[in-house]
Each structure stands twice: as structure tokens, then as C-alpha cells.
Amino acid sequence: MSIKAKRLRAQPVSRLLEQPGGLGDVMRMATLIERAQTHLRSHVPPDVAEHLYVGGYHDGVLTLITDRAAWLTWLRYEQPRLLKLLHQLPGFEAIMKFSLKVRPIRPVKAVPRQTRRLSPAGAEALSHCAESLDDSPLKRSLNRLASHADVPSESGDEPSA
């Protein structure tokens, strides 16, 4: 029994974009959501704008997301004004109401920087090793590494940073 694979032809991009429920619909929705978010953020106070996100649109309901309950309360009071603002934009006349949600946004954690210290004894060992070499890239590298050693402070207690 043999299995014959269908030969699939590459489809033109225009066909992929025009298919119902396809990539074109997703791109149009993303563009509309971006326009709504930009418009709303430009008409609210700056301290609110940085916490306001448009999450999606479905059946006349635009989802607004914020990261704190305090901003959600503010959005509830401002709903009528925000609806009027959105109705000014072409393509947003069908929005009837908002769905308001709180979704805490976890800040991106910066990777802690690992600093390494080179003791004066380690620097001396590198310099001693470099002395025995002829002038070469290795000798220059060892001397450069040795120059990064912690220099003892004036009191002589601790190395400086």
C-alpha cells in the first residue's frame, strides 16, 4: 500500500489575506485595537495612560485592561466619555460598551549583573605569567586582565569597587 503525498502549491499572499477568518482578519483587528489604544491613551491623563491596554473587541464590546483596581474604578466612572471618544474614530461606531478587567502586569526582572573581582595577588600572578612571554596578543591580554585588579584603598582595609 502506498501513500501519495499531495503536492501543495504555494499560495499567493493576497489569497491568504482575503480568506474569511484568515490572516487578513487578524491583521485588521490588530490594527483597530492599536488605533483604539492610541486614541484612548492620548485622551486620558498620562498617569492613567501607561496603565491602560485594549485587550480585544468582540460583538460590540471592547475589552480594556489595567494593572490595578484603582485604575479600573477610574475607567468605570469615565466609560461614557471614553465611548464618545471612540465613536469619533471611523470603524468604532459599533462599540456599545466596555468589558473592564484587571490583569497585573509583572515587570520584567533585570538579570542581576554578576561582577567579578580580581584580587591584587591574582593580578600579580597574571603579570608574572605575562612577563615570561614574548610580545604577543596573549601577553597583552594578561596585562589587560591584571589591570582590572582591585586596588587597595588608602586605609589598606578593603579593596575599592
N, C-alpha and C. Protein backbone atom coordinates (compact mmCIF):
# COMPACT_ATOMS: atom_id res chain seq x y z
N MET A 1 0.84 -1.16 0.00
CA MET A 1 0.00 0.00 0.00
C MET A 1 0.90 1.24 0.00
N SER A 2 0.66 2.14 -0.89
CA SER A 2 1.48 3.34 -0.97
C SER A 2 0.66 4.56 -0.57
N ILE A 3 1.32 5.46 0.01
CA ILE A 3 0.68 6.72 0.40
C ILE A 3 1.28 7.81 -0.46
N LYS A 4 0.41 8.45 -1.19
CA LYS A 4 0.90 9.54 -2.03
C LYS A 4 0.65 10.86 -1.32
N ALA A 5 1.67 11.64 -1.25
CA ALA A 5 1.54 12.95 -0.63
C ALA A 5 0.98 13.93 -1.64
N LYS A 6 0.10 14.78 -1.17
CA LYS A 6 -0.43 15.82 -2.04
C LYS A 6 0.66 16.86 -2.26
N ARG A 7 0.70 17.33 -3.45
CA ARG A 7 1.63 18.41 -3.72
C ARG A 7 0.91 19.73 -3.45
N LEU A 8 1.40 20.41 -2.48
CA LEU A 8 0.80 21.70 -2.14
C LEU A 8 1.55 22.79 -2.86
N ARG A 9 0.80 23.63 -3.48
CA ARG A 9 1.41 24.76 -4.16
C ARG A 9 1.42 25.95 -3.22
N ALA A 10 2.42 26.74 -3.40
CA ALA A 10 2.48 27.97 -2.61
C ALA A 10 1.32 28.86 -3.01
N GLN A 11 0.68 29.44 -2.00
CA GLN A 11 -0.46 30.31 -2.26
C GLN A 11 0.01 31.76 -2.28
N PRO A 12 -0.59 32.55 -3.13
CA PRO A 12 -0.24 33.96 -3.11
C PRO A 12 -0.67 34.61 -1.79
N VAL A 13 0.06 35.59 -1.36
CA VAL A 13 -0.23 36.27 -0.11
C VAL A 13 -1.62 36.89 -0.16
N SER A 14 -2.02 37.39 -1.29
CA SER A 14 -3.34 38.03 -1.40
C SER A 14 -4.45 37.05 -1.06
N ARG A 15 -4.29 35.78 -1.45
CA ARG A 15 -5.31 34.78 -1.14
C ARG A 15 -5.35 34.51 0.36
N LEU A 16 -4.18 34.43 1.00
CA LEU A 16 -4.12 34.20 2.44
C LEU A 16 -4.76 35.35 3.21
N LEU A 17 -4.57 36.57 2.71
CA LEU A 17 -5.13 37.73 3.38
C LEU A 17 -6.63 37.87 3.17
N GLU A 18 -7.15 37.35 2.06
CA GLU A 18 -8.56 37.52 1.74
C GLU A 18 -9.46 36.43 2.30
N GLN A 19 -8.91 35.32 2.74
CA GLN A 19 -9.72 34.21 3.25
C GLN A 19 -10.47 34.65 4.50
N PRO A 20 -11.76 34.30 4.60
CA PRO A 20 -12.50 34.64 5.82
C PRO A 20 -11.90 33.94 7.03
N GLY A 21 -11.73 34.70 8.11
CA GLY A 21 -11.16 34.14 9.32
C GLY A 21 -9.67 33.91 9.21
N GLY A 22 -9.07 34.45 8.19
CA GLY A 22 -7.65 34.23 7.96
C GLY A 22 -6.78 35.33 8.52
N LEU A 23 -5.60 35.39 7.98
CA LEU A 23 -4.59 36.32 8.44
C LEU A 23 -5.02 37.77 8.25
N GLY A 24 -5.74 38.05 7.19
CA GLY A 24 -6.20 39.41 6.93
C GLY A 24 -7.10 39.92 8.03
N ASP A 25 -8.02 39.08 8.52
CA ASP A 25 -8.92 39.48 9.60
C ASP A 25 -8.14 39.76 10.89
N VAL A 26 -7.16 38.93 11.16
CA VAL A 26 -6.35 39.11 12.36
C VAL A 26 -5.57 40.43 12.27
N MET A 27 -5.01 40.70 11.10
CA MET A 27 -4.25 41.94 10.93
C MET A 27 -5.15 43.16 11.04
N ARG A 28 -6.35 43.10 10.48
CA ARG A 28 -7.28 44.22 10.58
C ARG A 28 -7.69 44.46 12.04
N MET A 29 -7.95 43.39 12.76
CA MET A 29 -8.34 43.52 14.16
C MET A 29 -7.19 44.10 14.98
N ALA A 30 -5.97 43.64 14.73
CA ALA A 30 -4.82 44.17 15.46
C ALA A 30 -4.64 45.66 15.18
N THR A 31 -4.86 46.07 13.94
CA THR A 31 -4.76 47.49 13.59
C THR A 31 -5.83 48.30 14.30
N LEU A 32 -7.06 47.80 14.33
CA LEU A 32 -8.14 48.50 15.02
C LEU A 32 -7.86 48.62 16.52
N ILE A 33 -7.39 47.55 17.12
CA ILE A 33 -7.09 47.58 18.56
C ILE A 33 -5.98 48.58 18.84
N GLU A 34 -4.97 48.60 18.00
CA GLU A 34 -3.87 49.56 18.18
C GLU A 34 -4.36 50.99 18.05
N ARG A 35 -5.23 51.25 17.07
CA ARG A 35 -5.79 52.60 16.91
C ARG A 35 -6.61 53.00 18.12
N ALA A 36 -7.42 52.08 18.63
CA ALA A 36 -8.24 52.37 19.82
C ALA A 36 -7.35 52.67 21.02
N GLN A 37 -6.33 51.88 21.22
CA GLN A 37 -5.44 52.07 22.36
C GLN A 37 -4.72 53.41 22.25
N THR A 38 -4.21 53.74 21.08
CA THR A 38 -3.51 55.01 20.89
C THR A 38 -4.44 56.19 21.12
N HIS A 39 -5.66 56.10 20.59
CA HIS A 39 -6.63 57.18 20.74
C HIS A 39 -7.03 57.38 22.21
N LEU A 40 -7.32 56.28 22.89
CA LEU A 40 -7.70 56.38 24.30
C LEU A 40 -6.56 56.91 25.16
N ARG A 41 -5.36 56.40 24.93
CA ARG A 41 -4.21 56.84 25.73
C ARG A 41 -3.91 58.32 25.53
N SER A 42 -4.19 58.83 24.33
CA SER A 42 -3.90 60.24 24.08
C SER A 42 -4.95 61.16 24.72
N HIS A 43 -6.09 60.62 25.15
CA HIS A 43 -7.16 61.43 25.74
C HIS A 43 -7.40 61.18 27.22
N VAL A 44 -6.52 60.43 27.85
CA VAL A 44 -6.63 60.22 29.30
C VAL A 44 -5.38 60.82 29.95
N PRO A 45 -5.44 61.09 31.25
CA PRO A 45 -4.25 61.63 31.92
C PRO A 45 -3.05 60.69 31.76
N PRO A 46 -1.85 61.26 31.68
CA PRO A 46 -0.65 60.43 31.47
C PRO A 46 -0.45 59.34 32.51
N ASP A 47 -0.82 59.61 33.77
CA ASP A 47 -0.64 58.58 34.79
C ASP A 47 -1.57 57.39 34.58
N VAL A 48 -2.71 57.61 33.93
CA VAL A 48 -3.63 56.52 33.62
C VAL A 48 -3.20 55.83 32.32
N ALA A 49 -2.72 56.62 31.37
CA ALA A 49 -2.39 56.10 30.04
C ALA A 49 -1.39 54.95 30.08
N GLU A 50 -0.42 55.06 30.95
CA GLU A 50 0.59 54.00 30.99
C GLU A 50 0.08 52.70 31.59
N HIS A 51 -1.13 52.72 32.16
CA HIS A 51 -1.71 51.52 32.75
C HIS A 51 -2.92 51.01 31.97
N LEU A 52 -3.19 51.59 30.80
CA LEU A 52 -4.38 51.26 30.02
C LEU A 52 -4.01 50.49 28.76
N TYR A 53 -4.65 49.34 28.58
CA TYR A 53 -4.41 48.50 27.41
C TYR A 53 -5.75 48.07 26.83
N VAL A 54 -5.82 47.99 25.51
CA VAL A 54 -7.00 47.45 24.86
C VAL A 54 -6.72 45.99 24.59
N GLY A 55 -7.59 45.13 25.12
CA GLY A 55 -7.35 43.69 25.04
C GLY A 55 -8.00 43.01 23.86
N GLY A 56 -9.10 43.56 23.35
CA GLY A 56 -9.77 42.92 22.23
C GLY A 56 -11.13 43.52 21.97
N TYR A 57 -11.75 43.03 20.92
CA TYR A 57 -13.07 43.51 20.52
C TYR A 57 -13.88 42.33 20.01
N HIS A 58 -15.11 42.22 20.53
CA HIS A 58 -15.97 41.13 20.08
C HIS A 58 -17.43 41.54 20.31
N ASP A 59 -18.23 41.46 19.27
CA ASP A 59 -19.68 41.73 19.34
C ASP A 59 -20.03 43.04 20.03
N GLY A 60 -19.38 44.12 19.64
CA GLY A 60 -19.70 45.44 20.17
C GLY A 60 -19.13 45.74 21.54
N VAL A 61 -18.31 44.84 22.07
CA VAL A 61 -17.72 45.03 23.39
C VAL A 61 -16.20 45.15 23.24
N LEU A 62 -15.67 46.27 23.69
CA LEU A 62 -14.22 46.49 23.67
C LEU A 62 -13.68 46.19 25.06
N THR A 63 -12.67 45.34 25.14
CA THR A 63 -12.08 44.96 26.42
C THR A 63 -10.95 45.92 26.76
N LEU A 64 -11.06 46.56 27.92
CA LEU A 64 -10.00 47.42 28.43
C LEU A 64 -9.36 46.73 29.62
N ILE A 65 -8.04 46.72 29.63
CA ILE A 65 -7.30 46.03 30.69
C ILE A 65 -6.42 47.05 31.40
N THR A 66 -6.37 46.94 32.71
CA THR A 66 -5.48 47.76 33.50
C THR A 66 -4.79 46.87 34.53
N ASP A 67 -3.73 47.39 35.11
CA ASP A 67 -2.97 46.55 36.02
C ASP A 67 -3.31 46.77 37.49
N ARG A 68 -4.20 47.72 37.79
CA ARG A 68 -4.57 47.96 39.18
C ARG A 68 -6.06 48.25 39.30
N ALA A 69 -6.62 47.85 40.41
CA ALA A 69 -8.05 48.07 40.65
C ALA A 69 -8.39 49.56 40.74
N ALA A 70 -7.45 50.37 41.20
CA ALA A 70 -7.70 51.81 41.30
C ALA A 70 -7.96 52.40 39.92
N TRP A 71 -7.20 51.98 38.93
CA TRP A 71 -7.40 52.49 37.57
C TRP A 71 -8.70 51.93 36.99
N LEU A 72 -9.07 50.74 37.39
CA LEU A 72 -10.33 50.15 36.93
C LEU A 72 -11.52 50.98 37.42
N THR A 73 -11.46 51.43 38.66
CA THR A 73 -12.51 52.28 39.19
C THR A 73 -12.60 53.59 38.40
N TRP A 74 -11.44 54.16 38.10
CA TRP A 74 -11.41 55.40 37.31
C TRP A 74 -12.04 55.16 35.94
N LEU A 75 -11.72 54.02 35.30
CA LEU A 75 -12.27 53.70 33.98
C LEU A 75 -13.79 53.53 34.04
N ARG A 76 -14.29 52.94 35.13
CA ARG A 76 -15.75 52.77 35.28
C ARG A 76 -16.46 54.12 35.26
N TYR A 77 -15.91 55.09 35.97
CA TYR A 77 -16.53 56.41 36.02
C TYR A 77 -16.41 57.13 34.67
N GLU A 78 -15.38 56.84 33.92
CA GLU A 78 -15.12 57.54 32.66
C GLU A 78 -15.70 56.83 31.43
N GLN A 79 -16.39 55.72 31.61
CA GLN A 79 -16.91 54.95 30.48
C GLN A 79 -17.69 55.78 29.47
N PRO A 80 -18.67 56.60 29.89
CA PRO A 80 -19.43 57.35 28.88
C PRO A 80 -18.54 58.28 28.05
N ARG A 81 -17.59 58.95 28.69
CA ARG A 81 -16.70 59.85 27.95
C ARG A 81 -15.80 59.06 27.00
N LEU A 82 -15.29 57.93 27.46
CA LEU A 82 -14.41 57.11 26.61
C LEU A 82 -15.17 56.54 25.42
N LEU A 83 -16.44 56.17 25.62
CA LEU A 83 -17.25 55.69 24.49
C LEU A 83 -17.43 56.79 23.45
N LYS A 84 -17.70 58.02 23.91
CA LYS A 84 -17.84 59.14 22.97
C LYS A 84 -16.54 59.37 22.21
N LEU A 85 -15.42 59.25 22.90
CA LEU A 85 -14.11 59.41 22.24
C LEU A 85 -13.92 58.36 21.14
N LEU A 86 -14.25 57.12 21.44
CA LEU A 86 -14.07 56.06 20.45
C LEU A 86 -15.04 56.19 19.29
N HIS A 87 -16.24 56.67 19.55
CA HIS A 87 -17.22 56.83 18.46
C HIS A 87 -16.77 57.90 17.46
N GLN A 88 -15.82 58.75 17.84
CA GLN A 88 -15.28 59.75 16.93
C GLN A 88 -14.41 59.11 15.85
N LEU A 89 -13.83 57.96 16.16
CA LEU A 89 -12.96 57.27 15.21
C LEU A 89 -13.78 56.47 14.21
N PRO A 90 -13.42 56.54 12.92
CA PRO A 90 -14.10 55.69 11.95
C PRO A 90 -13.83 54.22 12.23
N GLY A 91 -14.87 53.41 12.17
CA GLY A 91 -14.74 51.97 12.41
C GLY A 91 -15.08 51.58 13.83
N PHE A 92 -15.31 52.55 14.71
CA PHE A 92 -15.59 52.24 16.11
C PHE A 92 -17.01 52.64 16.51
N GLU A 93 -17.86 52.89 15.56
CA GLU A 93 -19.23 53.28 15.86
C GLU A 93 -20.03 52.14 16.48
N ALA A 94 -19.62 50.90 16.24
CA ALA A 94 -20.37 49.73 16.70
C ALA A 94 -20.08 49.38 18.16
N ILE A 95 -19.13 50.05 18.79
CA ILE A 95 -18.81 49.73 20.19
C ILE A 95 -19.94 50.23 21.07
N MET A 96 -20.52 49.32 21.81
CA MET A 96 -21.65 49.64 22.67
C MET A 96 -21.25 49.78 24.14
N LYS A 97 -20.26 48.99 24.55
CA LYS A 97 -19.84 49.04 25.95
C LYS A 97 -18.42 48.50 26.09
N PHE A 98 -17.93 48.60 27.31
CA PHE A 98 -16.59 48.10 27.63
C PHE A 98 -16.70 46.89 28.55
N SER A 99 -15.73 46.03 28.41
CA SER A 99 -15.51 44.98 29.39
C SER A 99 -14.21 45.38 30.08
N LEU A 100 -14.28 45.63 31.38
CA LEU A 100 -13.12 46.11 32.12
C LEU A 100 -12.52 44.98 32.94
N LYS A 101 -11.20 44.84 32.83
CA LYS A 101 -10.52 43.74 33.52
C LYS A 101 -9.25 44.24 34.17
N VAL A 102 -8.90 43.60 35.26
CA VAL A 102 -7.63 43.88 35.94
C VAL A 102 -6.73 42.67 35.70
N ARG A 103 -5.60 42.93 35.11
CA ARG A 103 -4.59 41.89 34.88
C ARG A 103 -3.25 42.45 35.33
N PRO A 104 -2.79 42.09 36.51
CA PRO A 104 -1.50 42.62 36.96
C PRO A 104 -0.40 42.24 35.97
N ILE A 105 0.38 43.21 35.63
CA ILE A 105 1.47 43.00 34.69
C ILE A 105 2.75 42.85 35.50
N ARG A 106 3.37 41.74 35.33
CA ARG A 106 4.62 41.50 36.05
C ARG A 106 5.74 42.26 35.36
N PRO A 107 6.46 43.07 36.12
CA PRO A 107 7.56 43.80 35.50
C PRO A 107 8.65 42.84 35.06
N VAL A 108 9.33 43.22 34.01
CA VAL A 108 10.44 42.41 33.53
C VAL A 108 11.58 42.54 34.53
N LYS A 109 12.02 41.41 35.02
CA LYS A 109 13.09 41.43 36.00
C LYS A 109 14.43 41.55 35.29
N ALA A 110 15.20 42.52 35.72
CA ALA A 110 16.54 42.67 35.16
C ALA A 110 17.42 41.56 35.73
N VAL A 111 18.20 40.99 34.87
CA VAL A 111 19.11 39.94 35.30
C VAL A 111 20.18 40.59 36.17
N PRO A 112 20.37 40.10 37.39
CA PRO A 112 21.38 40.72 38.24
C PRO A 112 22.76 40.59 37.60
N ARG A 113 23.44 41.69 37.61
CA ARG A 113 24.77 41.70 37.00
C ARG A 113 25.76 41.04 37.95
N GLN A 114 26.49 40.12 37.41
CA GLN A 114 27.48 39.43 38.22
C GLN A 114 28.83 40.11 38.01
N THR A 115 29.29 40.77 39.04
CA THR A 115 30.60 41.40 38.94
C THR A 115 31.63 40.48 39.57
N ARG A 116 32.71 40.39 38.93
CA ARG A 116 33.80 39.54 39.44
C ARG A 116 34.94 40.44 39.87
N ARG A 117 35.58 40.04 40.91
CA ARG A 117 36.69 40.82 41.46
C ARG A 117 37.99 40.05 41.26
N LEU A 118 39.03 40.81 40.98
CA LEU A 118 40.35 40.22 40.84
C LEU A 118 41.20 40.76 41.98
N SER A 119 41.68 39.86 42.78
CA SER A 119 42.48 40.28 43.94
C SER A 119 43.84 40.77 43.47
N PRO A 120 44.51 41.57 44.29
CA PRO A 120 45.87 42.01 43.94
C PRO A 120 46.83 40.82 43.74
N ALA A 121 46.64 39.76 44.51
CA ALA A 121 47.50 38.58 44.35
C ALA A 121 47.26 37.92 42.99
N GLY A 122 46.00 37.88 42.57
CA GLY A 122 45.68 37.32 41.25
C GLY A 122 46.25 38.17 40.14
N ALA A 123 46.19 39.47 40.30
CA ALA A 123 46.76 40.37 39.29
C ALA A 123 48.27 40.20 39.21
N GLU A 124 48.90 40.02 40.37
CA GLU A 124 50.35 39.82 40.39
C GLU A 124 50.72 38.52 39.67
N ALA A 125 49.93 37.48 39.88
CA ALA A 125 50.20 36.20 39.22
C ALA A 125 50.03 36.34 37.70
N LEU A 126 49.02 37.06 37.25
CA LEU A 126 48.83 37.27 35.81
C LEU A 126 49.98 38.07 35.22
N SER A 127 50.41 39.12 35.94
CA SER A 127 51.53 39.94 35.46
C SER A 127 52.81 39.12 35.38
N HIS A 128 53.03 38.30 36.40
CA HIS A 128 54.22 37.44 36.43
C HIS A 128 54.21 36.47 35.24
N CYS A 129 53.06 35.91 34.97
CA CYS A 129 52.92 34.99 33.84
C CYS A 129 53.17 35.72 32.51
N ALA A 130 52.67 36.96 32.40
CA ALA A 130 52.83 37.74 31.18
C ALA A 130 54.29 38.11 30.95
N GLU A 131 55.05 38.32 32.02
CA GLU A 131 56.46 38.70 31.89
C GLU A 131 57.27 37.63 31.17
N SER A 132 56.90 36.40 31.36
CA SER A 132 57.67 35.30 30.77
C SER A 132 57.36 35.09 29.28
N LEU A 133 56.39 35.83 28.76
CA LEU A 133 56.01 35.67 27.35
C LEU A 133 56.66 36.74 26.49
N ASP A 134 56.90 36.37 25.23
CA ASP A 134 57.33 37.37 24.27
C ASP A 134 56.14 38.27 23.97
N ASP A 135 56.41 39.40 23.31
CA ASP A 135 55.32 40.31 22.98
C ASP A 135 54.33 39.58 22.06
N SER A 136 53.14 39.34 22.56
CA SER A 136 52.13 38.61 21.81
C SER A 136 50.75 39.07 22.27
N PRO A 137 49.72 38.70 21.52
CA PRO A 137 48.36 39.04 21.96
C PRO A 137 48.05 38.46 23.34
N LEU A 138 48.58 37.29 23.65
CA LEU A 138 48.34 36.68 24.96
C LEU A 138 48.95 37.53 26.07
N LYS A 139 50.18 38.01 25.85
CA LYS A 139 50.83 38.84 26.85
C LYS A 139 50.03 40.12 27.09
N ARG A 140 49.57 40.75 26.01
CA ARG A 140 48.78 41.98 26.15
C ARG A 140 47.46 41.69 26.88
N SER A 141 46.85 40.56 26.58
CA SER A 141 45.59 40.20 27.25
C SER A 141 45.79 39.96 28.74
N LEU A 142 46.86 39.27 29.10
CA LEU A 142 47.13 39.01 30.51
C LEU A 142 47.39 40.32 31.26
N ASN A 143 48.14 41.21 30.65
CA ASN A 143 48.40 42.51 31.29
C ASN A 143 47.11 43.33 31.43
N ARG A 144 46.25 43.26 30.42
CA ARG A 144 44.98 43.99 30.48
C ARG A 144 44.11 43.41 31.60
N LEU A 145 44.07 42.08 31.73
CA LEU A 145 43.32 41.47 32.83
C LEU A 145 43.88 41.87 34.19
N ALA A 146 45.20 41.90 34.29
CA ALA A 146 45.83 42.26 35.56
C ALA A 146 45.51 43.70 35.94
N SER A 147 45.29 44.55 34.97
CA SER A 147 44.99 45.96 35.27
C SER A 147 43.61 46.14 35.90
N HIS A 148 42.77 45.11 35.88
CA HIS A 148 41.43 45.19 36.46
C HIS A 148 41.39 44.80 37.93
N ALA A 149 42.53 44.60 38.52
CA ALA A 149 42.57 44.17 39.91
C ALA A 149 42.04 45.26 40.82
N ASP A 150 41.47 44.83 41.95
CA ASP A 150 41.03 45.77 42.97
C ASP A 150 42.25 46.43 43.57
N VAL A 151 42.20 47.75 43.62
CA VAL A 151 43.31 48.49 44.21
C VAL A 151 42.98 48.71 45.69
N PRO A 152 43.90 48.40 46.58
CA PRO A 152 43.59 48.61 48.00
C PRO A 152 43.34 50.10 48.27
N SER A 153 42.37 50.37 49.17
CA SER A 153 42.05 51.75 49.50
C SER A 153 43.18 52.36 50.30
N GLU A 154 43.11 53.67 50.54
CA GLU A 154 44.16 54.36 51.24
C GLU A 154 44.34 53.84 52.64
N SER A 155 43.28 53.43 53.28
CA SER A 155 43.38 52.90 54.65
C SER A 155 43.97 51.50 54.67
N GLY A 156 43.93 50.83 53.50
CA GLY A 156 44.51 49.49 53.41
C GLY A 156 43.60 48.41 53.93
N ASP A 157 42.35 48.76 54.30
CA ASP A 157 41.44 47.77 54.88
C ASP A 157 40.78 46.91 53.81
N GLU A 158 40.08 47.57 52.86
CA GLU A 158 39.29 46.83 51.88
C GLU A 158 39.63 47.28 50.48
N PRO A 159 39.47 46.42 49.50
CA PRO A 159 39.65 46.84 48.11
C PRO A 159 38.51 47.75 47.71
N SER A 160 38.79 48.68 46.82
CA SER A 160 37.73 49.58 46.34
C SER A 160 37.00 48.95 45.17
N ALA A 161 35.79 49.44 44.92
CA ALA A 161 34.97 48.88 43.85
C ALA A 161 35.34 49.45 42.52
